[in-house]
C-alpha atoms as a PDB file:
ATOM      1  CA  MET A   1      26.464  40.048  14.767  1.00  0.00           C
ATOM      2  CA  ALA A   2      28.967  43.246  15.227  1.00  0.00           C
ATOM      3  CA  GLU A   3      27.790  46.603  14.270  1.00  0.00           C
ATOM      4  CA  PRO A   4      29.238  47.056  10.881  1.00  0.00           C
ATOM      5  CA  ALA A   5      29.519  50.815  11.821  1.00  0.00           C
ATOM      6  CA  GLY A   6      29.666  53.087   8.801  1.00  0.00           C
ATOM      7  CA  LYS A   7      30.021  50.518   6.219  1.00  0.00           C
ATOM      8  CA  ARG A   8      28.689  51.784   3.219  1.00  0.00           C
ATOM      9  CA  ILE A   9      26.546  49.488   0.786  1.00  0.00           C
ATOM     10  CA  LEU A  10      26.271  50.653  -3.222  1.00  0.00           C
ATOM     11  CA  VAL A  11      23.062  48.130  -3.848  1.00  0.00           C
ATOM     12  CA  VAL A  12      22.860  48.460  -7.745  1.00  0.00           C
ATOM     13  CA  ASP A  13      19.563  46.574  -9.353  1.00  0.00           C
ATOM     14  CA  ASP A  14      16.861  48.020 -12.166  1.00  0.00           C
ATOM     15  CA  ALA A  15      13.677  46.861  -9.954  1.00  0.00           C
ATOM     16  CA  ASN A  16      12.383  49.195  -7.037  1.00  0.00           C
ATOM     17  CA  LEU A  17      11.578  46.388  -5.027  1.00  0.00           C
ATOM     18  CA  ILE A  18      14.535  44.408  -4.678  1.00  0.00           C
ATOM     19  CA  ARG A  19      16.696  47.543  -3.983  1.00  0.00           C
ATOM     20  CA  ARG A  20      13.942  48.120  -1.456  1.00  0.00           C
ATOM     21  CA  PHE A  21      14.107  44.577  -0.107  1.00  0.00           C
ATOM     22  CA  TYR A  22      18.090  44.589   0.302  1.00  0.00           C
ATOM     23  CA  ARG A  23      17.660  47.974   1.681  1.00  0.00           C
ATOM     24  CA  ASP A  24      15.566  47.567   4.573  1.00  0.00           C
ATOM     25  CA  ALA A  25      17.324  44.394   5.446  1.00  0.00           C
ATOM     26  CA  LEU A  26      20.982  45.822   5.264  1.00  0.00           C
ATOM     27  CA  GLU A  27      20.067  49.184   7.156  1.00  0.00           C
ATOM     28  CA  ARG A  28      17.750  47.147  10.102  1.00  0.00           C
ATOM     29  CA  ALA A  29      21.788  45.487  10.165  1.00  0.00           C
ATOM     30  CA  GLY A  30      23.115  48.758  10.730  1.00  0.00           C
ATOM     31  CA  PHE A  31      24.714  49.061   7.537  1.00  0.00           C
ATOM     32  CA  GLU A  32      24.442  52.529   5.296  1.00  0.00           C
ATOM     33  CA  VAL A  33      22.748  51.926   1.619  1.00  0.00           C
ATOM     34  CA  ASP A  34      23.229  53.775  -1.214  1.00  0.00           C
ATOM     35  CA  GLU A  35      21.122  52.404  -4.640  1.00  0.00           C
ATOM     36  CA  ALA A  36      21.813  52.536  -8.418  1.00  0.00           C
ATOM     37  CA  LEU A  37      19.544  51.963 -11.161  1.00  0.00           C
ATOM     38  CA  ASN A  38      21.908  50.214 -13.379  1.00  0.00           C
ATOM     39  CA  GLY A  39      25.881  50.022 -14.099  1.00  0.00           C
ATOM     40  CA  VAL A  40      25.778  53.299 -15.632  1.00  0.00           C
ATOM     41  CA  GLU A  41      24.397  55.311 -12.378  1.00  0.00           C
ATOM     42  CA  ALA A  42      26.574  52.600 -10.183  1.00  0.00           C
ATOM     43  CA  LEU A  43      30.231  53.713 -11.924  1.00  0.00           C
ATOM     44  CA  GLU A  44      29.124  57.458 -11.250  1.00  0.00           C
ATOM     45  CA  LYS A  45      28.791  56.674  -7.591  1.00  0.00           C
ATOM     46  CA  VAL A  46      31.698  54.813  -7.443  1.00  0.00           C
ATOM     47  CA  LEU A  47      33.848  56.964  -8.821  1.00  0.00           C
ATOM     48  CA  GLY A  48      32.378  59.748  -6.877  1.00  0.00           C
ATOM     49  CA  GLY A  49      31.792  58.265  -3.124  1.00  0.00           C
ATOM     50  CA  ALA A  50      33.606  55.722  -0.659  1.00  0.00           C
ATOM     51  CA  TYR A  51      31.899  52.268  -0.494  1.00  0.00           C
ATOM     52  CA  ASP A  52      32.944  48.690   1.322  1.00  0.00           C
ATOM     53  CA  LEU A  53      30.736  46.745  -1.064  1.00  0.00           C
ATOM     54  CA  ILE A  54      28.742  46.584  -4.118  1.00  0.00           C
ATOM     55  CA  VAL A  55      25.583  44.560  -4.521  1.00  0.00           C
ATOM     56  CA  VAL A  56      25.152  44.318  -8.076  1.00  0.00           C
ATOM     57  CA  ASP A  57      22.376  42.386 -10.142  1.00  0.00           C
ATOM     58  CA  VAL A  58      23.094  41.251 -13.706  1.00  0.00           C
ATOM     59  CA  ASN A  59      20.183  42.120 -16.280  1.00  0.00           C
ATOM     60  CA  MET A  60      19.844  45.581 -16.230  1.00  0.00           C
ATOM     61  CA  PRO A  61      19.542  48.260 -18.827  1.00  0.00           C
ATOM     62  CA  GLN A  62      22.013  50.756 -20.042  1.00  0.00           C
ATOM     63  CA  MET A  63      24.499  49.009 -18.797  1.00  0.00           C
ATOM     64  CA  ASP A  64      24.563  45.367 -17.122  1.00  0.00           C
ATOM     65  CA  GLY A  65      26.288  44.009 -14.198  1.00  0.00           C
ATOM     66  CA  LEU A  66      28.936  42.813 -15.682  1.00  0.00           C
ATOM     67  CA  THR A  67      30.057  45.396 -18.052  1.00  0.00           C
ATOM     68  CA  PHE A  68      29.836  47.719 -15.046  1.00  0.00           C
ATOM     69  CA  LEU A  69      32.471  45.208 -13.156  1.00  0.00           C
ATOM     70  CA  LYS A  70      34.353  44.859 -15.795  1.00  0.00           C
ATOM     71  CA  VAL A  71      34.743  48.500 -16.311  1.00  0.00           C
ATOM     72  CA  LEU A  72      35.116  49.316 -12.510  1.00  0.00           C
ATOM     73  CA  ARG A  73      37.837  46.386 -12.985  1.00  0.00           C
ATOM     74  CA  ARG A  74      39.915  48.705 -15.131  1.00  0.00           C
ATOM     75  CA  GLN A  75      39.526  51.965 -12.771  1.00  0.00           C
ATOM     76  CA  ALA A  76      42.352  53.511 -10.523  1.00  0.00           C
ATOM     77  CA  ALA A  77      43.120  51.101  -7.584  1.00  0.00           C
ATOM     78  CA  ALA A  78      40.899  52.685  -4.971  1.00  0.00           C
ATOM     79  CA  VAL A  79      37.823  51.790  -6.477  1.00  0.00           C
ATOM     80  CA  SER A  80      39.612  48.572  -8.759  1.00  0.00           C
ATOM     81  CA  SER A  81      39.755  46.339  -6.007  1.00  0.00           C
ATOM     82  CA  LEU A  82      36.017  47.175  -3.986  1.00  0.00           C
ATOM     83  CA  PRO A  83      34.310  43.545  -3.188  1.00  0.00           C
ATOM     84  CA  ALA A  84      31.254  43.153  -5.346  1.00  0.00           C
ATOM     85  CA  LEU A  85      28.184  40.752  -4.418  1.00  0.00           C
ATOM     86  CA  VAL A  86      26.334  39.450  -7.704  1.00  0.00           C
ATOM     87  CA  ILE A  87      22.765  38.251  -6.853  1.00  0.00           C
ATOM     88  CA  SER A  88      21.022  37.266 -10.341  1.00  0.00           C
ATOM     89  CA  THR A  89      18.213  34.744 -11.361  1.00  0.00           C
ATOM     90  CA  GLU A  90      20.468  33.328 -13.975  1.00  0.00           C
ATOM     91  CA  ALA A  91      21.458  30.128 -12.082  1.00  0.00           C
ATOM     92  CA  ALA A  92      23.600  28.056 -14.146  1.00  0.00           C
ATOM     93  CA  ALA A  93      27.234  27.531 -13.593  1.00  0.00           C
ATOM     94  CA  GLN A  94      28.299  29.333 -16.536  1.00  0.00           C
ATOM     95  CA  ASP A  95      26.502  32.556 -15.345  1.00  0.00           C
ATOM     96  CA  ALA A  96      28.613  32.493 -12.222  1.00  0.00           C
ATOM     97  CA  ALA A  97      31.836  31.772 -14.143  1.00  0.00           C
ATOM     98  CA  ALA A  98      31.414  34.847 -16.203  1.00  0.00           C
ATOM     99  CA  ALA A  99      30.550  36.876 -13.098  1.00  0.00           C
ATOM    100  CA  ARG A 100      33.731  35.963 -11.338  1.00  0.00           C
ATOM    101  CA  LYS A 101      35.555  36.573 -14.788  1.00  0.00           C
ATOM    102  CA  ALA A 102      33.944  39.828 -15.078  1.00  0.00           C
ATOM    103  CA  GLY A 103      34.906  40.612 -11.626  1.00  0.00           C
ATOM    104  CA  ALA A 104      32.588  39.340  -9.281  1.00  0.00           C
ATOM    105  CA  ASN A 105      33.939  37.824  -5.517  1.00  0.00           C
ATOM    106  CA  PHE A 106      30.859  36.201  -4.985  1.00  0.00           C
ATOM    107  CA  TYR A 107      27.578  34.793  -6.507  1.00  0.00           C
ATOM    108  CA  LEU A 108      24.084  34.438  -5.333  1.00  0.00           C
ATOM    109  CA  VAL A 109      21.275  33.361  -6.911  1.00  0.00           C
ATOM    110  CA  LYS A 110      17.365  34.732  -6.620  1.00  0.00           C
ATOM    111  CA  PRO A 111      15.764  34.667  -4.644  1.00  0.00           C
ATOM    112  CA  VAL A 112      17.977  35.534  -1.483  1.00  0.00           C
ATOM    113  CA  SER A 113      16.619  35.878   2.145  1.00  0.00           C
ATOM    114  CA  GLN A 114      17.260  39.195   3.911  1.00  0.00           C
ATOM    115  CA  GLU A 115      19.450  36.709   6.642  1.00  0.00           C
ATOM    116  CA  ARG A 116      21.396  35.413   3.413  1.00  0.00           C
ATOM    117  CA  LEU A 117      21.722  38.902   2.413  1.00  0.00           C
ATOM    118  CA  VAL A 118      22.923  40.368   5.593  1.00  0.00           C
ATOM    119  CA  GLU A 119      25.555  37.061   6.321  1.00  0.00           C
ATOM    120  CA  HIS A 120      27.233  37.585   2.790  1.00  0.00           C
ATOM    121  CA  VAL A 121      27.487  41.267   2.811  1.00  0.00           C
ATOM    122  CA  SER A 122      28.599  40.822   6.818  1.00  0.00           C
ATOM    123  CA  ILE A 123      31.589  38.271   6.139  1.00  0.00           C
ATOM    124  CA  MET A 124      32.562  40.121   2.911  1.00  0.00           C
ATOM    125  CA  CYS A 125      33.039  43.729   4.684  1.00  0.00           C
ATOM    126  CA  GLY A 126      34.926  41.615   7.155  1.00  0.00           C
ATOM    127  CA  LEU A 127      32.263  41.037   9.824  1.00  0.00           C
ATOM    128  CA  PRO A 128      31.767  38.093  11.993  1.00  0.00           C
ATOM    129  CA  ALA A 129      28.292  37.029  10.373  1.00  0.00           C
END
């Protein structure tokens, strides 16, 4: 895999264990990782920083992942086009469709291995898998 040189990923999930699991895998692969606990915190971070990709859960308190994506997609062009990978326990076809309608670029169902996470993040950041 090519070195992700400076590629910044925002991981948004209310579960500490999941955030740590994703962070470990992505940092080991060379990505810079920041975290948010919910959509409200994620929106603040995205509007105040530069990210290359968002990895976001659906079910979270305060602002869920789909609402976050809808709000994000209404922002200025600099952040509204930010790629988003949704990873959720919701496995029905309508869940993936709802995520795409909200603005997700890709949808995975938990559990996701660290290898699969790194592969999808790399591809979505324009790097070879």
